[in-house]
Amino acid sequence: MKDKCILCDAETAYDDTTHVDMRVGYIEGAGQLCHACWMRGTDRRHFLVPHSMVYNTPNDQELGTKVRELYYETND
């Protein structure tokens, strides 16, 4: 079974059993990118929010603040 891209959900060139050291576009802690998303590099319109941040922050306003801080940290 082929891995799916973590950004666009497209099927990637890699089987889910392929070791990460043998892949291009694998982001440790996040997952596999397809070739197109990998080539876009920093021109991205998505970023990852850790599940634990959402789960451990029940206040929506506080969560929004944390997400915005994370956005600016990852887009400097």
Protein backbone atom coordinates (compact mmCIF):
# COMPACT_ATOMS: atom_id res chain seq x y z
CA MET A 1 0.00 0.00 0.00
CA LYS A 2 1.36 3.46 -0.94
CA ASP A 3 1.74 6.24 1.61
CA LYS A 4 -0.43 9.34 1.19
CA CYS A 5 0.88 12.90 1.20
CA ILE A 6 0.31 14.60 4.55
CA LEU A 7 -0.62 17.89 2.83
CA CYS A 8 -2.71 17.04 -0.23
CA ASP A 9 -3.60 13.37 0.41
CA ALA A 10 -2.22 12.28 -2.98
CA GLU A 11 -0.69 8.83 -3.28
CA THR A 12 3.10 8.99 -3.03
CA ALA A 13 5.72 6.88 -4.79
CA TYR A 14 6.59 5.02 -1.57
CA ASP A 15 5.15 1.89 -0.05
CA ASP A 16 4.29 2.24 3.62
CA THR A 17 6.97 -0.40 4.32
CA THR A 18 9.80 1.61 2.70
CA HIS A 19 12.26 2.75 5.37
CA VAL A 20 12.33 6.54 5.85
CA ASP A 21 16.07 6.69 5.12
CA MET A 22 15.28 5.50 1.60
CA ARG A 23 12.68 8.21 0.84
CA VAL A 24 12.69 11.75 -0.48
CA GLY A 25 10.19 14.13 1.05
CA TYR A 26 9.74 12.39 4.39
CA ILE A 27 9.45 14.76 7.36
CA GLU A 28 10.27 13.12 10.67
CA GLY A 29 7.42 13.52 13.12
CA ALA A 30 4.99 14.49 10.37
CA GLY A 31 5.07 12.01 7.51
CA GLN A 32 5.50 11.71 3.77
CA LEU A 33 5.06 14.47 1.19
CA CYS A 34 4.28 13.77 -2.46
CA HIS A 35 6.75 15.03 -5.04
CA ALA A 36 4.69 18.15 -5.87
CA CYS A 37 4.34 19.26 -2.24
CA TRP A 38 8.01 18.53 -1.56
CA MET A 39 9.07 20.63 -4.56
CA ARG A 40 6.91 23.56 -3.43
CA GLY A 41 9.13 23.73 -0.35
CA THR A 42 8.40 26.75 1.78
CA ASP A 43 5.64 27.98 -0.53
CA ARG A 44 3.09 26.12 1.54
CA ARG A 45 -0.42 26.99 2.52
CA HIS A 46 -0.70 24.35 5.24
CA PHE A 47 1.10 23.67 8.45
CA LEU A 48 0.71 20.98 11.07
CA VAL A 49 -0.83 21.51 14.48
CA PRO A 50 0.01 18.79 16.99
CA HIS A 51 -3.00 16.74 18.06
CA SER A 52 -1.93 17.19 21.69
CA MET A 53 -2.18 20.98 21.36
CA VAL A 54 -5.82 20.72 20.27
CA TYR A 55 -6.66 18.03 22.81
CA ASN A 56 -4.97 19.74 25.77
CA THR A 57 -6.37 23.23 25.09
CA PRO A 58 -10.14 23.16 25.63
CA ASN A 59 -10.53 26.94 25.41
CA ASP A 60 -11.01 27.89 21.74
CA GLN A 61 -9.62 31.39 22.14
CA GLU A 62 -6.48 30.09 23.86
CA LEU A 63 -6.12 27.43 21.17
CA GLY A 64 -6.38 30.09 18.47
CA THR A 65 -3.59 32.03 20.15
CA LYS A 66 -1.38 28.94 20.29
CA VAL A 67 -2.08 28.07 16.64
CA ARG A 68 -1.24 31.61 15.52
CA GLU A 69 2.03 31.51 17.54
CA LEU A 70 2.87 28.17 15.94
CA TYR A 71 2.14 29.61 12.49
CA TYR A 72 4.56 32.49 13.00
CA GLU A 73 7.23 30.18 14.45
CA THR A 74 7.10 27.92 11.39
CA ASN A 75 6.91 30.72 8.80
CA ASP A 76 9.81 32.94 9.83
